[in-house]
N, C-alpha and C. Protein backbone atom coordinates (compact mmCIF):
# COMPACT_ATOMS: atom_id res chain seq x y z
N UNK A 1 -18.12 100.90 110.03
CA UNK A 1 -18.99 101.60 110.97
C UNK A 1 -18.41 103.00 111.21
N UNK A 2 -19.23 104.02 111.01
CA UNK A 2 -18.72 105.38 111.24
C UNK A 2 -18.75 105.72 112.72
N UNK A 3 -18.16 106.87 113.06
CA UNK A 3 -17.99 107.24 114.46
C UNK A 3 -19.33 107.42 115.17
N UNK A 4 -20.33 107.96 114.49
CA UNK A 4 -21.64 108.15 115.12
C UNK A 4 -22.31 106.82 115.45
N UNK A 5 -22.21 105.88 114.52
CA UNK A 5 -22.77 104.54 114.77
C UNK A 5 -22.05 103.86 115.94
N UNK A 6 -20.75 104.03 115.96
CA UNK A 6 -19.96 103.44 117.04
C UNK A 6 -20.32 104.04 118.40
N UNK A 7 -20.44 105.37 118.44
CA UNK A 7 -20.81 106.04 119.69
C UNK A 7 -22.17 105.57 120.18
N UNK A 8 -23.11 105.40 119.26
CA UNK A 8 -24.45 104.95 119.62
C UNK A 8 -24.41 103.53 120.19
N UNK A 9 -23.60 102.70 119.60
CA UNK A 9 -23.49 101.31 120.05
C UNK A 9 -22.82 101.20 121.42
N UNK A 10 -21.81 102.04 121.65
CA UNK A 10 -21.05 101.98 122.90
C UNK A 10 -21.78 102.67 124.05
N UNK A 11 -22.59 103.67 123.73
CA UNK A 11 -23.26 104.47 124.77
C UNK A 11 -24.01 103.59 125.77
N UNK A 12 -23.68 103.76 127.04
CA UNK A 12 -24.36 103.02 128.10
C UNK A 12 -23.95 101.57 128.24
N UNK A 13 -22.93 101.15 127.48
CA UNK A 13 -22.55 99.74 127.50
C UNK A 13 -21.22 99.49 128.21
N UNK A 14 -20.82 100.40 129.06
CA UNK A 14 -19.51 100.26 129.71
C UNK A 14 -19.44 98.95 130.48
N UNK A 15 -18.32 98.28 130.33
CA UNK A 15 -18.09 97.01 131.04
C UNK A 15 -18.20 97.21 132.55
N UNK A 16 -17.83 98.41 133.00
CA UNK A 16 -17.82 98.68 134.44
C UNK A 16 -19.24 98.75 135.01
N UNK A 17 -20.23 98.84 134.15
CA UNK A 17 -21.63 98.83 134.61
C UNK A 17 -22.25 97.44 134.49
N UNK A 18 -21.48 96.48 134.00
CA UNK A 18 -22.01 95.13 133.83
C UNK A 18 -23.09 95.07 132.76
N UNK A 19 -22.89 95.84 131.68
CA UNK A 19 -23.94 96.00 130.68
C UNK A 19 -24.06 94.84 129.70
N UNK A 20 -22.98 94.08 129.51
CA UNK A 20 -23.03 92.99 128.54
C UNK A 20 -23.46 91.71 129.23
N UNK A 21 -24.30 90.96 128.54
CA UNK A 21 -24.80 89.70 129.09
C UNK A 21 -24.15 88.52 128.38
N UNK A 22 -24.28 87.37 128.97
CA UNK A 22 -23.68 86.14 128.48
C UNK A 22 -24.49 85.59 127.31
N UNK A 23 -24.47 86.33 126.19
CA UNK A 23 -25.20 85.91 125.00
C UNK A 23 -24.30 86.02 123.78
N UNK A 24 -24.50 85.16 122.78
CA UNK A 24 -23.73 85.28 121.53
C UNK A 24 -23.97 86.63 120.85
N UNK A 25 -25.16 87.19 121.04
CA UNK A 25 -25.47 88.49 120.43
C UNK A 25 -24.59 89.59 121.02
N UNK A 26 -24.41 89.58 122.35
CA UNK A 26 -23.56 90.59 122.97
C UNK A 26 -22.09 90.40 122.58
N UNK A 27 -21.66 89.15 122.44
CA UNK A 27 -20.29 88.88 122.00
C UNK A 27 -20.09 89.42 120.58
N UNK A 28 -21.07 89.18 119.70
CA UNK A 28 -20.97 89.67 118.32
C UNK A 28 -20.96 91.21 118.30
N UNK A 29 -21.77 91.83 119.16
CA UNK A 29 -21.80 93.29 119.23
C UNK A 29 -20.44 93.84 119.69
N UNK A 30 -19.87 93.24 120.71
CA UNK A 30 -18.57 93.70 121.20
C UNK A 30 -17.49 93.49 120.14
N UNK A 31 -17.57 92.37 119.40
CA UNK A 31 -16.61 92.12 118.32
C UNK A 31 -16.67 93.25 117.29
N UNK A 32 -17.88 93.69 116.92
CA UNK A 32 -18.04 94.79 115.96
C UNK A 32 -17.47 96.09 116.52
N UNK A 33 -17.73 96.34 117.80
CA UNK A 33 -17.19 97.54 118.44
C UNK A 33 -15.66 97.51 118.42
N UNK A 34 -15.09 96.37 118.76
CA UNK A 34 -13.63 96.24 118.80
C UNK A 34 -13.02 96.49 117.42
N UNK A 35 -13.59 95.85 116.41
CA UNK A 35 -13.04 95.98 115.07
C UNK A 35 -13.17 97.41 114.54
N UNK A 36 -14.25 98.09 114.89
CA UNK A 36 -14.45 99.46 114.43
C UNK A 36 -13.64 100.47 115.25
N UNK A 37 -13.38 100.15 116.50
CA UNK A 37 -12.73 101.12 117.39
C UNK A 37 -11.30 101.45 117.00
N UNK A 38 -10.63 100.56 116.29
CA UNK A 38 -9.23 100.83 115.92
C UNK A 38 -9.11 101.98 114.93
N UNK A 39 -10.21 102.32 114.27
CA UNK A 39 -10.20 103.42 113.31
C UNK A 39 -10.43 104.77 113.99
N UNK A 40 -10.85 104.77 115.25
CA UNK A 40 -11.21 106.01 115.94
C UNK A 40 -10.44 106.10 117.26
N UNK A 41 -10.11 107.33 117.67
CA UNK A 41 -9.33 107.54 118.90
C UNK A 41 -10.19 107.65 120.16
N UNK A 42 -11.50 107.71 120.01
CA UNK A 42 -12.38 108.00 121.15
C UNK A 42 -12.53 106.83 122.13
N UNK A 43 -12.15 105.63 121.73
CA UNK A 43 -12.43 104.45 122.55
C UNK A 43 -11.14 103.63 122.79
N UNK A 44 -10.22 104.18 123.60
CA UNK A 44 -8.94 103.48 123.81
C UNK A 44 -9.09 102.13 124.50
N UNK A 45 -10.15 101.99 125.33
CA UNK A 45 -10.36 100.71 126.01
C UNK A 45 -10.56 99.60 124.98
N UNK A 46 -11.47 99.81 124.05
CA UNK A 46 -11.77 98.80 123.03
C UNK A 46 -10.62 98.67 122.02
N UNK A 47 -10.09 99.81 121.55
CA UNK A 47 -9.05 99.74 120.53
C UNK A 47 -7.78 99.09 121.08
N UNK A 48 -7.52 99.25 122.38
CA UNK A 48 -6.36 98.60 122.99
C UNK A 48 -6.49 97.08 122.94
N UNK A 49 -7.65 96.58 123.27
CA UNK A 49 -7.90 95.14 123.18
C UNK A 49 -7.70 94.64 121.75
N UNK A 50 -8.29 95.36 120.81
CA UNK A 50 -8.22 94.93 119.40
C UNK A 50 -6.78 94.99 118.89
N UNK A 51 -6.07 96.04 119.25
CA UNK A 51 -4.67 96.18 118.84
C UNK A 51 -3.84 95.00 119.37
N UNK A 52 -4.02 94.65 120.63
CA UNK A 52 -3.27 93.54 121.22
C UNK A 52 -3.63 92.21 120.57
N UNK A 53 -4.91 92.02 120.24
CA UNK A 53 -5.32 90.78 119.57
C UNK A 53 -4.64 90.69 118.20
N UNK A 54 -4.59 91.82 117.48
CA UNK A 54 -3.94 91.83 116.16
C UNK A 54 -2.45 91.51 116.27
N UNK A 55 -1.80 92.02 117.32
CA UNK A 55 -0.39 91.69 117.55
C UNK A 55 -0.22 90.20 117.84
N UNK A 56 -1.12 89.66 118.64
CA UNK A 56 -1.07 88.24 118.97
C UNK A 56 -1.21 87.40 117.70
N UNK A 57 -2.15 87.77 116.84
CA UNK A 57 -2.33 87.03 115.59
C UNK A 57 -1.11 87.13 114.70
N UNK A 58 -0.50 88.30 114.68
CA UNK A 58 0.63 88.53 113.78
C UNK A 58 1.91 87.85 114.23
N UNK A 59 2.20 87.89 115.54
CA UNK A 59 3.51 87.45 116.01
C UNK A 59 3.51 86.14 116.79
N UNK A 60 2.37 85.62 117.12
CA UNK A 60 2.34 84.39 117.92
C UNK A 60 2.55 83.17 117.04
N UNK A 61 3.34 82.24 117.54
CA UNK A 61 3.49 80.95 116.85
C UNK A 61 2.36 80.02 117.28
N UNK A 62 1.60 80.45 118.26
CA UNK A 62 0.49 79.67 118.80
C UNK A 62 -0.73 79.87 117.92
N UNK A 63 -1.46 78.81 117.66
CA UNK A 63 -2.69 78.94 116.88
C UNK A 63 -3.70 79.79 117.63
N UNK A 64 -4.36 80.67 116.91
CA UNK A 64 -5.43 81.48 117.51
C UNK A 64 -6.77 80.93 117.07
N UNK A 65 -7.73 81.13 117.92
CA UNK A 65 -9.09 80.66 117.63
C UNK A 65 -9.73 81.59 116.60
N UNK A 66 -10.56 81.02 115.75
CA UNK A 66 -11.36 81.85 114.84
C UNK A 66 -12.39 82.60 115.67
N UNK A 67 -12.42 83.90 115.56
CA UNK A 67 -13.28 84.70 116.43
C UNK A 67 -14.76 84.44 116.19
N UNK A 68 -15.11 84.06 115.00
CA UNK A 68 -16.52 83.86 114.69
C UNK A 68 -17.04 82.50 115.15
N UNK A 69 -16.20 81.64 115.66
CA UNK A 69 -16.62 80.31 116.10
C UNK A 69 -17.28 80.37 117.47
N UNK A 70 -18.40 81.05 117.56
CA UNK A 70 -19.07 81.21 118.85
C UNK A 70 -20.06 80.08 119.07
N UNK A 71 -19.99 79.49 120.23
CA UNK A 71 -20.96 78.49 120.61
C UNK A 71 -22.15 79.19 121.25
N UNK A 72 -23.15 78.44 121.63
CA UNK A 72 -24.39 79.03 122.13
C UNK A 72 -24.23 79.77 123.45
N UNK A 73 -23.24 79.39 124.24
CA UNK A 73 -23.05 80.03 125.53
C UNK A 73 -21.62 80.56 125.64
N UNK A 74 -21.45 81.90 125.71
CA UNK A 74 -20.10 82.46 125.77
C UNK A 74 -19.24 81.94 126.91
N UNK A 75 -19.82 81.69 128.08
CA UNK A 75 -19.04 81.17 129.21
C UNK A 75 -18.46 79.81 128.86
N UNK A 76 -19.28 78.94 128.28
CA UNK A 76 -18.81 77.61 127.88
C UNK A 76 -17.71 77.74 126.83
N UNK A 77 -17.89 78.68 125.90
CA UNK A 77 -16.88 78.89 124.85
C UNK A 77 -15.58 79.42 125.46
N UNK A 78 -15.68 80.32 126.43
CA UNK A 78 -14.51 80.84 127.14
C UNK A 78 -13.74 79.70 127.79
N UNK A 79 -14.46 78.83 128.52
CA UNK A 79 -13.81 77.71 129.18
C UNK A 79 -13.17 76.77 128.18
N UNK A 80 -13.86 76.53 127.06
CA UNK A 80 -13.32 75.65 126.02
C UNK A 80 -12.01 76.22 125.48
N UNK A 81 -11.96 77.53 125.24
CA UNK A 81 -10.72 78.17 124.75
C UNK A 81 -9.57 77.91 125.71
N UNK A 82 -9.80 78.19 126.99
CA UNK A 82 -8.75 78.04 128.00
C UNK A 82 -8.30 76.58 128.08
N UNK A 83 -9.27 75.67 128.14
CA UNK A 83 -8.94 74.25 128.30
C UNK A 83 -8.27 73.67 127.06
N UNK A 84 -8.50 74.29 125.90
CA UNK A 84 -7.91 73.80 124.65
C UNK A 84 -6.60 74.48 124.33
N UNK A 85 -6.18 75.42 125.17
CA UNK A 85 -4.91 76.09 124.96
C UNK A 85 -4.97 77.28 124.03
N UNK A 86 -6.16 77.85 123.83
CA UNK A 86 -6.32 79.03 122.98
C UNK A 86 -6.47 80.28 123.84
N UNK A 87 -6.00 81.42 123.32
CA UNK A 87 -6.30 82.69 123.96
C UNK A 87 -7.75 83.03 123.62
N UNK A 88 -8.58 83.33 124.60
CA UNK A 88 -9.95 83.73 124.27
C UNK A 88 -9.93 85.08 123.55
N UNK A 89 -10.76 85.25 122.52
CA UNK A 89 -10.82 86.54 121.84
C UNK A 89 -11.24 87.64 122.81
N UNK A 90 -10.84 88.89 122.56
CA UNK A 90 -11.12 89.97 123.50
C UNK A 90 -12.60 90.20 123.75
N UNK A 91 -13.43 90.00 122.74
CA UNK A 91 -14.87 90.20 122.96
C UNK A 91 -15.42 89.21 123.98
N UNK A 92 -14.87 88.01 124.00
CA UNK A 92 -15.29 87.01 124.97
C UNK A 92 -14.84 87.42 126.37
N UNK A 93 -13.62 87.91 126.50
CA UNK A 93 -13.12 88.37 127.79
C UNK A 93 -13.97 89.52 128.33
N UNK A 94 -14.32 90.46 127.45
CA UNK A 94 -15.10 91.62 127.88
C UNK A 94 -16.49 91.20 128.35
N UNK A 95 -17.14 90.32 127.62
CA UNK A 95 -18.49 89.88 128.00
C UNK A 95 -18.47 89.11 129.32
N UNK A 96 -17.52 88.20 129.48
CA UNK A 96 -17.45 87.42 130.72
C UNK A 96 -17.12 88.33 131.90
N UNK A 97 -16.18 89.28 131.70
CA UNK A 97 -15.85 90.24 132.76
C UNK A 97 -17.08 91.08 133.12
N UNK A 98 -17.85 91.47 132.12
CA UNK A 98 -19.06 92.27 132.36
C UNK A 98 -20.06 91.49 133.21
N UNK A 99 -20.19 90.20 132.95
CA UNK A 99 -21.11 89.38 133.75
C UNK A 99 -20.67 89.32 135.21
N UNK A 100 -19.37 89.14 135.43
CA UNK A 100 -18.88 89.15 136.81
C UNK A 100 -19.07 90.52 137.45
N UNK A 101 -18.85 91.59 136.65
CA UNK A 101 -19.03 92.94 137.16
C UNK A 101 -20.49 93.15 137.59
N UNK A 102 -21.44 92.66 136.81
CA UNK A 102 -22.86 92.80 137.17
C UNK A 102 -23.14 92.12 138.51
N UNK A 103 -22.52 90.98 138.72
CA UNK A 103 -22.68 90.25 139.99
C UNK A 103 -22.07 91.05 141.14
N UNK A 104 -20.91 91.64 140.92
CA UNK A 104 -20.24 92.44 141.96
C UNK A 104 -21.05 93.69 142.27
N UNK A 105 -21.55 94.36 141.22
CA UNK A 105 -22.36 95.57 141.41
C UNK A 105 -23.59 95.28 142.27
N UNK A 106 -24.14 94.09 142.11
CA UNK A 106 -25.33 93.73 142.88
C UNK A 106 -24.98 93.43 144.34
N UNK A 107 -23.70 93.51 144.67
CA UNK A 107 -23.28 93.18 146.03
C UNK A 107 -23.34 91.69 146.29
N UNK A 108 -23.29 90.90 145.21
CA UNK A 108 -23.36 89.44 145.34
C UNK A 108 -24.76 88.92 145.55
N UNK A 109 -25.76 89.81 145.41
CA UNK A 109 -27.15 89.37 145.63
C UNK A 109 -27.69 88.57 144.45
N UNK A 110 -27.08 88.73 143.28
CA UNK A 110 -27.54 87.93 142.14
C UNK A 110 -26.92 86.54 142.24
N UNK A 111 -27.58 85.61 141.64
CA UNK A 111 -27.09 84.25 141.58
C UNK A 111 -26.23 84.13 140.33
N UNK A 112 -24.99 83.66 140.47
CA UNK A 112 -24.12 83.59 139.30
C UNK A 112 -24.67 82.69 138.20
N UNK A 113 -25.38 81.65 138.56
CA UNK A 113 -25.96 80.81 137.51
C UNK A 113 -27.03 81.59 136.75
N UNK A 114 -27.74 82.51 137.44
CA UNK A 114 -28.70 83.37 136.74
C UNK A 114 -27.98 84.36 135.84
N UNK A 115 -26.87 84.92 136.32
CA UNK A 115 -26.10 85.87 135.52
C UNK A 115 -25.62 85.21 134.23
N UNK A 116 -25.14 83.97 134.35
CA UNK A 116 -24.57 83.30 133.18
C UNK A 116 -25.56 82.48 132.37
N UNK A 117 -26.66 82.05 132.98
CA UNK A 117 -27.56 81.15 132.27
C UNK A 117 -29.01 81.63 132.23
N UNK A 118 -29.33 82.70 132.92
CA UNK A 118 -30.69 83.22 132.89
C UNK A 118 -31.44 82.92 134.18
N UNK A 119 -32.50 83.67 134.40
CA UNK A 119 -33.29 83.54 135.63
C UNK A 119 -33.97 82.19 135.71
N UNK A 120 -33.99 81.63 136.91
CA UNK A 120 -34.64 80.35 137.17
C UNK A 120 -34.14 79.23 136.27
N UNK A 121 -32.89 79.33 135.86
CA UNK A 121 -32.34 78.29 135.01
C UNK A 121 -31.00 77.84 135.58
N UNK A 122 -30.90 76.61 135.94
CA UNK A 122 -29.64 76.09 136.46
C UNK A 122 -28.78 75.70 135.27
N UNK A 123 -27.57 75.22 135.55
CA UNK A 123 -26.69 74.77 134.49
C UNK A 123 -27.41 73.70 133.68
N UNK A 124 -27.39 73.86 132.38
CA UNK A 124 -28.02 72.86 131.52
C UNK A 124 -27.16 71.61 131.44
N UNK A 125 -25.85 71.80 131.57
CA UNK A 125 -24.94 70.70 131.39
C UNK A 125 -23.95 70.61 132.54
N UNK A 126 -23.53 69.41 132.83
CA UNK A 126 -22.41 69.23 133.73
C UNK A 126 -21.29 68.60 132.91
N UNK A 127 -20.08 68.76 133.37
CA UNK A 127 -18.92 68.31 132.62
C UNK A 127 -18.45 66.97 133.14
N UNK A 128 -18.27 66.03 132.24
CA UNK A 128 -17.74 64.72 132.61
C UNK A 128 -16.21 64.84 132.67
N UNK A 129 -15.71 65.25 133.84
CA UNK A 129 -14.30 65.60 134.00
C UNK A 129 -13.39 64.42 133.70
N UNK A 130 -13.75 63.25 134.16
CA UNK A 130 -12.88 62.08 133.97
C UNK A 130 -12.66 61.81 132.49
N UNK A 131 -13.73 61.89 131.69
CA UNK A 131 -13.60 61.61 130.26
C UNK A 131 -12.87 62.73 129.53
N UNK A 132 -13.17 63.98 129.89
CA UNK A 132 -12.58 65.09 129.14
C UNK A 132 -11.09 65.24 129.41
N UNK A 133 -10.62 64.81 130.58
CA UNK A 133 -9.20 64.98 130.91
C UNK A 133 -8.34 63.79 130.52
N UNK A 134 -8.94 62.70 130.08
CA UNK A 134 -8.18 61.49 129.80
C UNK A 134 -7.06 61.71 128.77
N UNK A 135 -7.36 62.42 127.71
CA UNK A 135 -6.36 62.66 126.66
C UNK A 135 -5.81 64.09 126.69
N UNK A 136 -6.26 64.91 127.65
CA UNK A 136 -5.87 66.32 127.65
C UNK A 136 -4.37 66.50 127.86
N UNK A 137 -3.77 65.72 128.75
CA UNK A 137 -2.32 65.82 128.98
C UNK A 137 -1.57 65.55 127.69
N UNK A 138 -1.97 64.51 126.98
CA UNK A 138 -1.34 64.17 125.70
C UNK A 138 -1.51 65.31 124.70
N UNK A 139 -2.70 65.85 124.61
CA UNK A 139 -3.00 66.92 123.65
C UNK A 139 -2.19 68.18 123.93
N UNK A 140 -2.21 68.63 125.18
CA UNK A 140 -1.60 69.93 125.50
C UNK A 140 -0.08 69.88 125.66
N UNK A 141 0.43 68.78 126.24
CA UNK A 141 1.87 68.74 126.53
C UNK A 141 2.68 67.99 125.47
N UNK A 142 2.03 67.15 124.68
CA UNK A 142 2.78 66.32 123.76
C UNK A 142 2.49 66.64 122.29
N UNK A 143 1.24 66.84 121.95
CA UNK A 143 0.88 67.02 120.53
C UNK A 143 1.18 68.43 120.06
N UNK A 144 0.78 69.43 120.84
CA UNK A 144 0.94 70.84 120.42
C UNK A 144 2.41 71.17 120.20
N UNK A 145 2.70 71.68 119.03
CA UNK A 145 4.04 72.16 118.72
C UNK A 145 5.05 71.09 118.35
N UNK A 146 4.64 69.83 118.26
CA UNK A 146 5.58 68.76 117.90
C UNK A 146 5.63 68.61 116.38
N UNK A 147 6.83 68.37 115.87
CA UNK A 147 6.97 68.17 114.43
C UNK A 147 6.97 66.69 114.06
N UNK A 148 7.16 65.81 115.05
CA UNK A 148 7.13 64.38 114.77
C UNK A 148 5.71 63.95 114.42
N UNK A 149 5.61 62.78 113.81
CA UNK A 149 4.28 62.25 113.47
C UNK A 149 3.52 61.93 114.76
N UNK A 150 2.21 61.92 114.64
CA UNK A 150 1.34 61.60 115.78
C UNK A 150 1.65 60.21 116.31
N UNK A 151 1.96 59.30 115.41
CA UNK A 151 2.31 57.92 115.79
C UNK A 151 3.53 57.90 116.72
N UNK A 152 4.57 58.62 116.33
CA UNK A 152 5.81 58.65 117.12
C UNK A 152 5.57 59.32 118.48
N UNK A 153 4.84 60.44 118.46
CA UNK A 153 4.55 61.15 119.71
C UNK A 153 3.73 60.27 120.64
N UNK A 154 2.76 59.53 120.10
CA UNK A 154 1.93 58.63 120.91
C UNK A 154 2.78 57.51 121.52
N UNK A 155 3.70 56.97 120.74
CA UNK A 155 4.58 55.92 121.26
C UNK A 155 5.41 56.46 122.44
N UNK A 156 5.96 57.66 122.27
CA UNK A 156 6.77 58.27 123.33
C UNK A 156 5.91 58.53 124.58
N UNK A 157 4.70 59.01 124.36
CA UNK A 157 3.80 59.31 125.48
C UNK A 157 3.44 58.05 126.25
N UNK A 158 3.06 57.00 125.55
CA UNK A 158 2.68 55.75 126.23
C UNK A 158 3.87 55.15 126.98
N UNK A 159 5.05 55.27 126.40
CA UNK A 159 6.26 54.79 127.09
C UNK A 159 6.48 55.57 128.38
N UNK A 160 6.31 56.88 128.32
CA UNK A 160 6.47 57.73 129.51
C UNK A 160 5.42 57.36 130.57
N UNK A 161 4.17 57.17 130.14
CA UNK A 161 3.10 56.77 131.08
C UNK A 161 3.46 55.44 131.75
N UNK A 162 3.97 54.50 130.97
CA UNK A 162 4.34 53.18 131.50
C UNK A 162 5.49 53.32 132.51
N UNK A 163 6.48 54.13 132.18
CA UNK A 163 7.64 54.31 133.07
C UNK A 163 7.27 55.00 134.37
N UNK A 164 6.29 55.91 134.30
CA UNK A 164 5.91 56.65 135.52
C UNK A 164 4.72 56.01 136.24
N UNK A 165 4.36 54.81 135.83
CA UNK A 165 3.23 54.08 136.43
C UNK A 165 1.94 54.90 136.41
N UNK A 166 1.74 55.63 135.34
CA UNK A 166 0.52 56.42 135.15
C UNK A 166 -0.57 55.45 134.68
N UNK A 167 -1.59 55.26 135.48
CA UNK A 167 -2.60 54.25 135.17
C UNK A 167 -3.84 54.80 134.46
N UNK A 168 -3.71 55.99 133.83
CA UNK A 168 -4.85 56.53 133.08
C UNK A 168 -5.20 55.59 131.94
N UNK A 169 -4.16 55.05 131.28
CA UNK A 169 -4.36 54.12 130.18
C UNK A 169 -3.87 52.75 130.59
N UNK A 170 -4.54 51.75 130.11
CA UNK A 170 -4.15 50.37 130.37
C UNK A 170 -2.73 50.15 129.84
N UNK A 171 -1.89 49.50 130.64
CA UNK A 171 -0.49 49.27 130.25
C UNK A 171 -0.38 48.51 128.94
N UNK A 172 -1.37 47.69 128.63
CA UNK A 172 -1.28 46.86 127.43
C UNK A 172 -1.87 47.55 126.19
N UNK A 173 -2.29 48.80 126.32
CA UNK A 173 -2.89 49.49 125.17
C UNK A 173 -1.84 49.69 124.08
N UNK A 174 -2.21 49.35 122.85
CA UNK A 174 -1.28 49.56 121.74
C UNK A 174 -1.48 50.96 121.17
N UNK A 175 -0.52 51.41 120.40
CA UNK A 175 -0.52 52.78 119.88
C UNK A 175 -1.75 53.05 119.01
N UNK A 176 -2.11 52.09 118.17
CA UNK A 176 -3.27 52.29 117.28
C UNK A 176 -4.56 52.46 118.08
N UNK A 177 -4.75 51.64 119.10
CA UNK A 177 -5.95 51.76 119.95
C UNK A 177 -5.96 53.10 120.67
N UNK A 178 -4.78 53.49 121.16
CA UNK A 178 -4.66 54.78 121.84
C UNK A 178 -5.04 55.92 120.90
N UNK A 179 -4.51 55.89 119.68
CA UNK A 179 -4.78 56.97 118.71
C UNK A 179 -6.24 56.99 118.27
N UNK A 180 -6.86 55.81 118.15
CA UNK A 180 -8.30 55.77 117.84
C UNK A 180 -9.09 56.45 118.94
N UNK A 181 -8.73 56.14 120.20
CA UNK A 181 -9.39 56.77 121.34
C UNK A 181 -9.15 58.27 121.38
N UNK A 182 -7.94 58.67 121.06
CA UNK A 182 -7.59 60.10 121.05
C UNK A 182 -8.39 60.86 119.98
N UNK A 183 -8.46 60.28 118.78
CA UNK A 183 -9.22 60.94 117.70
C UNK A 183 -10.70 61.03 118.05
N UNK A 184 -11.23 59.98 118.66
CA UNK A 184 -12.64 60.00 119.10
C UNK A 184 -12.84 61.08 120.17
N UNK A 185 -11.88 61.18 121.09
CA UNK A 185 -11.92 62.20 122.14
C UNK A 185 -11.96 63.59 121.54
N UNK A 186 -11.10 63.86 120.55
CA UNK A 186 -11.07 65.18 119.90
C UNK A 186 -12.39 65.48 119.23
N UNK A 187 -12.95 64.49 118.56
CA UNK A 187 -14.23 64.67 117.89
C UNK A 187 -15.34 64.93 118.90
N UNK A 188 -15.34 64.16 119.98
CA UNK A 188 -16.36 64.33 121.02
C UNK A 188 -16.22 65.69 121.71
N UNK A 189 -14.99 66.15 121.86
CA UNK A 189 -14.74 67.45 122.48
C UNK A 189 -15.33 68.57 121.63
N UNK A 190 -15.15 68.48 120.32
CA UNK A 190 -15.66 69.50 119.41
C UNK A 190 -17.19 69.52 119.40
N UNK A 191 -17.82 68.37 119.55
CA UNK A 191 -19.28 68.32 119.53
C UNK A 191 -19.88 68.46 120.93
N UNK A 192 -19.03 68.76 121.92
CA UNK A 192 -19.45 68.96 123.31
C UNK A 192 -20.13 67.72 123.91
N UNK A 193 -19.69 66.57 123.50
CA UNK A 193 -20.26 65.32 124.01
C UNK A 193 -19.98 65.13 125.49
N UNK A 194 -18.94 65.80 125.99
CA UNK A 194 -18.57 65.63 127.40
C UNK A 194 -19.40 66.50 128.33
N UNK A 195 -20.30 67.28 127.75
CA UNK A 195 -21.22 68.06 128.56
C UNK A 195 -22.51 67.26 128.69
N UNK A 196 -22.82 66.79 129.88
CA UNK A 196 -23.99 65.94 130.10
C UNK A 196 -25.18 66.77 130.51
N UNK A 197 -26.34 66.46 129.96
CA UNK A 197 -27.58 67.14 130.32
C UNK A 197 -27.87 66.86 131.79
N UNK A 198 -28.17 67.92 132.55
CA UNK A 198 -28.44 67.76 133.98
C UNK A 198 -29.89 67.35 134.18
């Protein structure tokens, strides 16, 4: 993208005006602006975000999310990133911040559900918190970054739960049953099964 195209795309879209909406199209547009901005000096706000993301990808031992893996609703995708232990891509941060900015600019007169989901539209989904959190402790604190096999880590986790009287899992659950449930949980999480239609 040349500088004239970039200027045209950025014109009037300042985050401080709440110009970006909670749409995959706006996220894709911001991603293009970010990627193009590093070649030009005129947009330090965008190029700074992109530069920092590139550093994160280069030097972090933490897995980064694929930027193109956008779900239908940027807010839901933002929450999924945070809850899964990923840094949200900068375009997602900018769009979500812009939505909050639009709400603030209105003096709080807008309805946040309208800002994030559209006029006269309530949340399409509610989150089944009990089901989504059942294996989250195991995933975030035990699985991530471990070099041992999943079997060994699961055995250690269940032993710890038993010792601390953690009743999330039945005391008699065996490792294989636990791992079957964990794998099903991961699959259901990816397909957003824990989001219930309201």
